[in-house]
């Protein structure tokens, strides 16, 4: 077979790879969905802005050992013993602090009323007060900020306050960290686009339900501490309701929205997660896996991408087997393998404005009892019935709900849950 015939065998489309095996076409995972962010009708100038700041590693270490009464010298020695640099952490903290001060000063010069809020103090009252919320940190801070904003009319803007150490996919382009006055000017003149990011909502029903979450954002919990935190919230719920547990015959909408992903699985990662799953009201299927991830278009660049991406070694092995099995002259040079790998991996990413869920079943066990008819795919609704002993449903890596035997989660999207964010060009 000629090289041109091989191009017919492996067709490179718009961010998708189509393989033709034995004359049969295999549909690509998905085709590219271009963002359709909308132009504003006019400029945008908020009157009241809440600036929510991240907790730096330096601040975290200070808080962590404050109970022991450690001095700064003690902290330096302790960090050195762990292989961390006190001066390095302090330098990154100072960079973040200066960038936050820069944001605040720019807003105040424009006559905007500003409240600076540490992420541990960020709550519903702050959200109600502000016209706009600025996340001053990285992607983790942006996820926390977004989780408490339920109105699609309240803009959320992310500013990366340490671009050298934080990727900041959800933030403005990094040059606006120092050129924040230019970003404000563009907002005032309407030289931007609204990006309406779809989010996931969760309904919980069944037996033994505790709808009170454990907030993981400010806590670095061991497995034992995580379990204790859930038990404390369960006891608090019992005292409040007077019942051993809560039963919901009707789905109960949880007070959180997911911008990236939901993860369902046993708390102990080495233990298999047992649950039943139904996709788009289809038949229930028993699964035993390493957990289930359900993401948005925003989250398709994050954990979901890393769950499903292929490496060049795997692609080369598959193409080599295809060459042996078919007799086709499939090129195995590095450039071709790299192109196939990149095209496949790019096909895993879809638009943040796309109102579809993407589920990924991690490492399913398949035998005569357990099956996995689809290891990944798009859906409008996913229902999961827990058969786990000590499992959690974690929202954006920061909010954890108990999800044990008898609990049923319905994961879906609604137009009402869109998050209004800003898209600025570099």
Protein backbone atom coordinates (compact mmCIF):
# COMPACT_ATOMS: atom_id res chain seq x y z
CA UNK A 1 0.00 0.00 0.00
CA UNK A 2 1.30 3.45 -0.88
CA UNK A 3 1.78 6.26 1.64
CA UNK A 4 -1.23 8.04 0.10
CA UNK A 5 -3.36 4.96 0.82
CA UNK A 6 -2.20 5.11 4.40
CA UNK A 7 -3.57 8.65 4.67
CA UNK A 8 -6.92 7.11 3.75
CA UNK A 9 -6.36 4.57 6.49
CA UNK A 10 -5.65 7.21 9.11
CA UNK A 11 -7.66 10.32 8.20
CA UNK A 12 -6.76 13.54 9.99
CA UNK A 13 -9.90 15.63 10.37
CA UNK A 14 -10.70 18.65 12.50
CA UNK A 15 -9.25 17.57 15.86
CA UNK A 16 -10.38 13.99 15.39
CA UNK A 17 -8.85 10.77 14.18
CA UNK A 18 -10.86 8.28 12.10
CA UNK A 19 -9.45 4.79 11.73
CA UNK A 20 -10.68 2.57 8.92
CA UNK A 21 -10.31 -1.02 9.99
CA UNK A 22 -11.38 -3.80 7.64
CA UNK A 23 -13.37 -1.30 5.62
CA UNK A 24 -15.48 -0.20 8.60
CA UNK A 25 -15.46 3.38 9.85
CA UNK A 26 -14.95 3.94 13.56
CA UNK A 27 -16.48 7.23 14.72
CA UNK A 28 -14.03 9.56 16.45
CA UNK A 29 -14.58 10.34 20.11
CA UNK A 30 -15.86 13.78 19.20
CA UNK A 31 -15.36 16.60 16.76
CA UNK A 32 -14.23 20.06 17.70
CA UNK A 33 -16.84 22.45 19.05
CA UNK A 34 -15.80 26.06 18.55
CA UNK A 35 -16.58 28.47 21.37
CA UNK A 36 -19.43 30.84 20.56
CA UNK A 37 -18.69 33.36 23.31
CA UNK A 38 -20.98 36.37 22.92
CA UNK A 39 -20.03 40.01 22.44
CA UNK A 40 -21.43 42.33 25.12
CA UNK A 41 -23.98 44.96 24.10
CA UNK A 42 -21.96 47.63 25.89
CA UNK A 43 -19.04 48.16 28.24
CA UNK A 44 -18.99 46.63 31.69
CA UNK A 45 -18.06 48.52 34.88
CA UNK A 46 -19.05 46.99 38.23
CA UNK A 47 -19.70 49.15 41.28
CA UNK A 48 -18.75 46.57 43.94
CA UNK A 49 -16.08 43.90 43.50
CA UNK A 50 -15.07 41.12 45.87
CA UNK A 51 -11.45 40.01 45.40
CA UNK A 52 -11.10 36.46 46.74
CA UNK A 53 -7.46 35.56 47.38
CA UNK A 54 -5.83 32.19 47.55
CA UNK A 55 -3.99 30.80 50.55
CA UNK A 56 -0.31 30.70 49.63
CA UNK A 57 1.88 27.78 50.65
CA UNK A 58 3.68 30.12 53.06
CA UNK A 59 0.39 31.06 54.74
CA UNK A 60 -0.68 27.42 54.83
CA UNK A 61 2.51 26.32 56.58
CA UNK A 62 2.13 29.15 59.09
CA UNK A 63 -1.47 28.14 59.86
CA UNK A 64 -0.57 24.48 59.97
CA UNK A 65 1.93 24.87 62.78
CA UNK A 66 0.44 27.87 64.57
CA UNK A 67 -1.13 25.62 67.22
CA UNK A 68 2.37 24.48 68.24
CA UNK A 69 3.53 28.06 68.86
CA UNK A 70 6.39 27.83 66.36
CA UNK A 71 8.48 30.93 65.71
CA UNK A 72 9.54 31.94 62.21
CA UNK A 73 12.97 30.42 62.91
CA UNK A 74 11.33 27.16 63.96
CA UNK A 75 9.28 27.21 60.75
CA UNK A 76 12.42 27.75 58.67
CA UNK A 77 14.09 24.75 60.33
CA UNK A 78 11.00 22.55 59.93
CA UNK A 79 10.64 23.40 56.24
CA UNK A 80 14.35 22.73 55.67
CA UNK A 81 13.93 19.28 57.24
CA UNK A 82 11.14 18.57 54.71
CA UNK A 83 13.27 19.75 51.80
CA UNK A 84 11.29 22.99 51.30
CA UNK A 85 12.76 26.45 51.02
CA UNK A 86 11.42 29.02 53.49
CA UNK A 87 12.84 31.90 51.44
CA UNK A 88 11.34 30.46 48.26
CA UNK A 89 7.88 30.16 49.80
CA UNK A 90 8.11 33.67 51.21
CA UNK A 91 9.15 35.05 47.81
CA UNK A 92 6.14 33.42 46.06
CA UNK A 93 3.87 34.72 48.83
CA UNK A 94 5.18 38.25 48.35
CA UNK A 95 4.69 38.06 44.57
CA UNK A 96 1.07 36.98 45.08
CA UNK A 97 0.50 39.71 47.68
CA UNK A 98 1.91 42.45 45.42
CA UNK A 99 -0.28 41.32 42.52
CA UNK A 100 -3.39 41.34 44.73
CA UNK A 101 -2.52 44.86 45.92
CA UNK A 102 -2.08 45.91 42.29
CA UNK A 103 -5.56 44.61 41.39
CA UNK A 104 -7.15 46.37 44.37
CA UNK A 105 -5.38 49.68 43.70
CA UNK A 106 -6.43 49.63 40.03
CA UNK A 107 -10.07 49.04 40.97
CA UNK A 108 -10.08 51.73 43.65
CA UNK A 109 -8.58 54.30 41.27
CA UNK A 110 -11.61 53.71 39.04
CA UNK A 111 -13.97 54.40 41.96
CA UNK A 112 -14.93 50.75 42.48
CA UNK A 113 -15.79 49.64 46.02
CA UNK A 114 -13.57 46.66 46.85
CA UNK A 115 -13.62 43.95 49.50
CA UNK A 116 -10.60 41.66 49.82
CA UNK A 117 -11.66 38.26 51.12
CA UNK A 118 -9.45 35.31 52.07
CA UNK A 119 -10.74 32.10 50.55
CA UNK A 120 -11.53 30.73 54.03
CA UNK A 121 -13.85 33.72 54.63
CA UNK A 122 -15.60 33.49 51.25
CA UNK A 123 -19.31 32.72 51.68
CA UNK A 124 -22.80 33.39 50.31
CA UNK A 125 -22.93 36.83 51.95
CA UNK A 126 -19.87 37.95 49.97
CA UNK A 127 -21.48 36.67 46.76
CA UNK A 128 -24.69 38.60 47.46
CA UNK A 129 -22.78 41.83 48.19
CA UNK A 130 -20.63 41.88 45.05
CA UNK A 131 -21.55 42.86 41.50
CA UNK A 132 -18.52 40.96 40.24
CA UNK A 133 -16.12 38.52 41.89
CA UNK A 134 -12.43 38.39 41.04
CA UNK A 135 -10.56 35.20 41.84
CA UNK A 136 -6.98 36.20 42.73
CA UNK A 137 -4.93 33.03 42.65
CA UNK A 138 -4.91 30.09 40.27
CA UNK A 139 -7.39 27.57 38.92
CA UNK A 140 -8.09 26.12 42.39
CA UNK A 141 -9.18 29.51 43.70
CA UNK A 142 -11.33 30.03 40.59
CA UNK A 143 -13.08 26.70 41.19
CA UNK A 144 -13.80 27.65 44.81
CA UNK A 145 -15.16 31.06 43.80
CA UNK A 146 -17.37 29.59 41.08
CA UNK A 147 -18.81 26.90 43.38
CA UNK A 148 -20.75 29.47 45.46
CA UNK A 149 -22.05 31.61 42.56
CA UNK A 150 -25.49 30.38 41.51
CA UNK A 151 -26.65 33.35 39.44
CA UNK A 152 -25.64 33.39 35.78
CA UNK A 153 -25.91 37.19 35.88
CA UNK A 154 -22.93 37.60 38.24
CA UNK A 155 -19.59 37.70 36.37
CA UNK A 156 -16.55 35.87 37.73
CA UNK A 157 -13.08 36.90 36.55
CA UNK A 158 -9.91 34.94 37.29
CA UNK A 159 -6.52 36.67 37.65
CA UNK A 160 -3.41 34.50 37.98
CA UNK A 161 -1.39 36.08 40.79
CA UNK A 162 1.67 33.83 40.36
CA UNK A 163 1.99 33.07 36.63
CA UNK A 164 5.44 31.50 36.98
CA UNK A 165 4.14 28.75 39.26
CA UNK A 166 0.45 28.45 38.32
CA UNK A 167 -0.97 27.42 34.94
CA UNK A 168 -4.19 29.42 35.29
CA UNK A 169 -6.27 27.90 32.48
CA UNK A 170 -9.40 29.52 33.93
CA UNK A 171 -7.83 32.95 34.40
CA UNK A 172 -7.22 35.92 32.12
CA UNK A 173 -4.08 35.67 29.93
CA UNK A 174 -1.08 36.05 32.22
CA UNK A 175 0.08 39.40 30.82
CA UNK A 176 -3.01 41.02 32.37
CA UNK A 177 -1.73 40.14 35.84
CA UNK A 178 0.67 43.08 35.60
CA UNK A 179 -1.31 44.96 32.93
CA UNK A 180 -4.55 44.89 34.90
CA UNK A 181 -5.46 48.52 34.05
CA UNK A 182 -5.49 47.49 30.38
CA UNK A 183 -7.89 44.65 31.20
CA UNK A 184 -10.22 47.10 32.98
CA UNK A 185 -10.14 49.46 30.00
CA UNK A 186 -11.15 46.63 27.68
CA UNK A 187 -14.02 45.72 30.00
CA UNK A 188 -15.21 49.34 30.11
CA UNK A 189 -15.07 49.66 26.31
CA UNK A 190 -16.78 46.31 25.71
CA UNK A 191 -13.68 44.84 24.02
CA UNK A 192 -14.21 41.33 25.33
CA UNK A 193 -16.56 38.38 25.05
CA UNK A 194 -18.78 36.71 27.61
CA UNK A 195 -17.89 33.04 27.93
CA UNK A 196 -20.83 31.11 29.38
CA UNK A 197 -19.31 28.06 31.02
CA UNK A 198 -21.69 25.16 31.56
CA UNK A 199 -21.74 23.57 35.00
CA UNK A 200 -22.96 20.36 36.59
CA UNK A 201 -25.78 20.14 39.11
CA UNK A 202 -26.29 17.22 41.50
CA UNK A 203 -29.48 15.68 42.88
CA UNK A 204 -29.17 13.19 45.73
CA UNK A 205 -31.80 10.69 46.91
CA UNK A 206 -32.05 7.32 48.63
CA UNK A 207 -31.23 6.11 52.13
CA UNK A 208 -28.56 7.16 54.60
CA UNK A 209 -28.13 10.53 52.93
CA UNK A 210 -26.08 13.32 54.48
CA UNK A 211 -26.38 16.39 52.20
CA UNK A 212 -23.91 18.39 54.33
CA UNK A 213 -20.55 18.57 52.55
CA UNK A 214 -17.00 18.60 53.87
CA UNK A 215 -15.02 21.54 52.46
CA UNK A 216 -11.61 20.30 51.34
CA UNK A 217 -10.28 23.60 49.99
CA UNK A 218 -8.70 24.76 53.23
CA UNK A 219 -7.95 21.32 54.62
CA UNK A 220 -5.12 18.92 53.83
CA UNK A 221 -6.79 15.83 55.22
CA UNK A 222 -5.48 12.32 55.65
CA UNK A 223 -7.94 9.52 54.90
CA UNK A 224 -8.67 9.14 58.63
CA UNK A 225 -9.23 12.89 59.06
CA UNK A 226 -11.45 12.95 55.98
CA UNK A 227 -13.62 10.16 57.39
CA UNK A 228 -13.77 11.90 60.78
CA UNK A 229 -14.88 15.13 59.11
CA UNK A 230 -17.72 13.28 57.37
CA UNK A 231 -18.73 11.62 60.64
CA UNK A 232 -18.83 15.03 62.34
CA UNK A 233 -21.13 16.43 59.66
CA UNK A 234 -23.31 13.32 60.01
CA UNK A 235 -23.58 13.80 63.79
CA UNK A 236 -24.43 17.49 63.28
CA UNK A 237 -27.16 16.50 60.85
CA UNK A 238 -28.51 13.93 63.30
CA UNK A 239 -28.68 16.52 66.11
CA UNK A 240 -30.38 19.01 63.78
CA UNK A 241 -32.98 16.60 62.38
CA UNK A 242 -33.34 14.15 65.27
CA UNK A 243 -32.90 11.21 62.88
CA UNK A 244 -30.18 8.62 62.48
CA UNK A 245 -29.93 9.51 58.80
CA UNK A 246 -31.93 11.31 56.18
CA UNK A 247 -34.00 9.58 53.52
CA UNK A 248 -35.05 11.45 50.40
CA UNK A 249 -37.84 9.86 48.40
CA UNK A 250 -37.50 12.77 45.97
CA UNK A 251 -34.21 14.04 44.51
CA UNK A 252 -32.62 16.75 46.65
CA UNK A 253 -30.68 19.44 44.75
CA UNK A 254 -27.30 19.92 46.44
CA UNK A 255 -26.08 23.49 47.16
CA UNK A 256 -23.05 23.35 44.88
CA UNK A 257 -22.29 23.54 41.16
CA UNK A 258 -19.33 21.89 39.46
CA UNK A 259 -17.27 23.83 36.92
CA UNK A 260 -14.74 21.07 36.20
CA UNK A 261 -15.81 17.61 37.23
CA UNK A 262 -17.53 15.26 39.67
CA UNK A 263 -15.61 12.24 40.91
CA UNK A 264 -17.30 9.25 42.55
CA UNK A 265 -15.27 6.53 44.22
CA UNK A 266 -14.08 4.84 47.39
CA UNK A 267 -12.08 7.05 49.73
CA UNK A 268 -9.30 4.46 49.83
CA UNK A 269 -7.88 4.55 46.31
CA UNK A 270 -6.66 0.93 46.39
CA UNK A 271 -10.21 -0.32 47.01
CA UNK A 272 -12.46 -0.98 44.00
CA UNK A 273 -15.57 1.21 43.73
CA UNK A 274 -18.81 -0.75 43.29
CA UNK A 275 -21.83 1.07 41.89
CA UNK A 276 -24.57 0.87 39.28
CA UNK A 277 -24.77 3.40 36.45
CA UNK A 278 -27.44 4.49 34.00
CA UNK A 279 -26.62 6.84 31.10
CA UNK A 280 -29.44 8.93 29.58
CA UNK A 281 -32.14 6.81 31.28
CA UNK A 282 -30.69 3.64 29.79
CA UNK A 283 -30.48 0.27 31.57
CA UNK A 284 -28.62 0.05 34.87
CA UNK A 285 -25.21 -1.58 34.67
CA UNK A 286 -23.18 -2.95 37.58
CA UNK A 287 -19.60 -1.72 37.56
CA UNK A 288 -16.55 -2.26 39.71
CA UNK A 289 -13.84 0.28 38.85
CA UNK A 290 -11.26 2.73 40.16
CA UNK A 291 -13.94 5.41 40.16
CA UNK A 292 -16.10 7.48 37.84
CA UNK A 293 -15.34 10.98 36.52
CA UNK A 294 -17.99 13.20 34.92
CA UNK A 295 -16.77 16.49 33.49
CA UNK A 296 -17.85 19.66 31.68
CA UNK A 297 -16.25 21.24 28.63
CA UNK A 298 -14.22 23.37 31.02
CA UNK A 299 -13.06 20.23 32.84
CA UNK A 300 -12.24 18.40 29.59
CA UNK A 301 -8.81 20.08 29.71
CA UNK A 302 -8.17 18.97 33.28
CA UNK A 303 -8.38 15.58 35.04
CA UNK A 304 -10.62 14.03 32.38
CA UNK A 305 -8.00 14.79 29.73
CA UNK A 306 -5.29 13.06 31.74
CA UNK A 307 -7.51 10.03 32.40
CA UNK A 308 -8.15 9.46 28.70
CA UNK A 309 -5.10 10.77 26.84
CA UNK A 310 -2.78 8.42 24.98
CA UNK A 311 1.00 8.51 24.98
CA UNK A 312 3.10 8.00 21.86
CA UNK A 313 4.33 4.59 23.07
CA UNK A 314 0.75 3.27 23.19
CA UNK A 315 -0.13 4.69 19.77
CA UNK A 316 3.00 3.17 18.25
CA UNK A 317 2.16 -0.25 19.73
CA UNK A 318 -1.42 -0.11 18.35
CA UNK A 319 -0.27 1.01 14.89
CA UNK A 320 2.36 -1.72 14.84
CA UNK A 321 -0.29 -4.35 15.60
CA UNK A 322 -2.59 -2.82 12.96
CA UNK A 323 0.23 -3.04 10.43
CA UNK A 324 0.84 -6.71 11.23
CA UNK A 325 -2.86 -7.64 11.21
CA UNK A 326 -3.83 -5.81 8.01
CA UNK A 327 -0.67 -5.88 5.96
CA UNK A 328 -1.09 -2.14 5.32
CA UNK A 329 2.04 -0.07 4.96
CA UNK A 330 1.39 2.06 8.04
CA UNK A 331 4.28 4.44 8.71
CA UNK A 332 5.82 4.08 12.14
CA UNK A 333 8.14 7.07 12.03
CA UNK A 334 8.19 9.45 14.99
CA UNK A 335 6.51 12.37 13.17
CA UNK A 336 3.52 10.28 12.08
CA UNK A 337 3.05 8.72 15.54
CA UNK A 338 3.28 12.15 17.17
CA UNK A 339 0.63 13.53 14.80
CA UNK A 340 -1.80 10.67 15.47
CA UNK A 341 -1.27 11.03 19.22
CA UNK A 342 -1.82 14.78 19.19
CA UNK A 343 -4.96 14.54 17.03
CA UNK A 344 -6.51 11.93 19.31
CA UNK A 345 -5.68 13.82 22.50
CA UNK A 346 -7.02 17.10 21.11
CA UNK A 347 -10.30 15.35 20.30
CA UNK A 348 -10.85 14.85 24.05
CA UNK A 349 -11.31 18.60 24.59
CA UNK A 350 -14.63 20.31 23.90
CA UNK A 351 -16.10 23.78 24.36
CA UNK A 352 -16.87 25.07 27.87
CA UNK A 353 -20.22 26.30 26.47
CA UNK A 354 -21.25 22.84 25.24
CA UNK A 355 -24.14 21.58 27.40
CA UNK A 356 -22.98 17.97 27.53
CA UNK A 357 -21.47 15.78 30.19
CA UNK A 358 -18.46 13.61 29.44
CA UNK A 359 -18.08 10.52 31.62
CA UNK A 360 -14.94 8.42 32.09
CA UNK A 361 -14.93 5.02 33.79
CA UNK A 362 -11.52 4.46 35.32
CA UNK A 363 -9.99 0.99 34.95
CA UNK A 364 -13.22 -1.07 34.85
CA UNK A 365 -13.16 -4.71 35.94
CA UNK A 366 -14.91 -6.78 33.27
CA UNK A 367 -16.00 -10.36 33.96
CA UNK A 368 -19.23 -12.41 34.01
CA UNK A 369 -20.64 -10.26 36.86
CA UNK A 370 -19.41 -6.75 36.06
CA UNK A 371 -19.41 -5.04 32.69
CA UNK A 372 -18.51 -1.73 31.07
CA UNK A 373 -20.40 -1.19 27.83
CA UNK A 374 -18.91 2.27 27.42
CA UNK A 375 -15.69 3.33 29.13
CA UNK A 376 -16.22 6.96 28.13
CA UNK A 377 -18.69 9.07 26.22
CA UNK A 378 -21.06 12.03 26.13
CA UNK A 379 -24.37 12.17 27.96
CA UNK A 380 -27.14 14.56 28.97
CA UNK A 381 -27.75 12.77 32.27
CA UNK A 382 -25.92 10.18 34.35
CA UNK A 383 -27.45 8.36 37.33
CA UNK A 384 -25.27 6.45 39.81
CA UNK A 385 -26.47 4.16 42.61
CA UNK A 386 -23.78 3.54 45.22
CA UNK A 387 -22.92 0.06 46.44
CA UNK A 388 -19.78 1.35 48.16
CA UNK A 389 -18.79 1.12 51.83
CA UNK A 390 -16.79 4.29 52.32
CA UNK A 391 -17.16 6.40 49.20
CA UNK A 392 -17.39 10.08 48.41
CA UNK A 393 -18.71 12.25 45.65
CA UNK A 394 -16.17 15.06 45.22
CA UNK A 395 -16.98 18.30 43.39
CA UNK A 396 -14.05 20.06 41.68
CA UNK A 397 -11.62 18.50 44.12
CA UNK A 398 -12.84 20.79 46.89
CA UNK A 399 -16.24 19.69 48.22
CA UNK A 400 -16.91 16.14 49.40
CA UNK A 401 -20.25 14.40 50.02
CA UNK A 402 -20.70 10.96 51.52
CA UNK A 403 -21.88 8.52 48.86
CA UNK A 404 -22.40 5.08 50.33
CA UNK A 405 -24.68 2.10 49.76
CA UNK A 406 -28.26 3.22 49.08
CA UNK A 407 -27.46 6.72 47.83
CA UNK A 408 -28.44 7.68 44.29
CA UNK A 409 -26.95 10.67 42.45
CA UNK A 410 -28.39 12.25 39.33
CA UNK A 411 -25.83 14.31 37.45
CA UNK A 412 -27.08 16.76 34.81
CA UNK A 413 -26.84 20.30 33.43
CA UNK A 414 -29.22 23.24 33.32
CA UNK A 415 -29.11 26.52 31.42
CA UNK A 416 -29.74 28.28 34.74
CA UNK A 417 -26.36 27.08 36.06
CA UNK A 418 -24.14 28.73 33.46
CA UNK A 419 -21.20 30.68 34.86
CA UNK A 420 -20.58 34.08 33.27
CA UNK A 421 -16.86 34.57 32.70
CA UNK A 422 -14.77 36.99 30.65
CA UNK A 423 -12.77 36.16 27.54
CA UNK A 424 -9.99 38.65 26.75
CA UNK A 425 -7.55 38.30 23.89
CA UNK A 426 -3.83 38.49 24.52
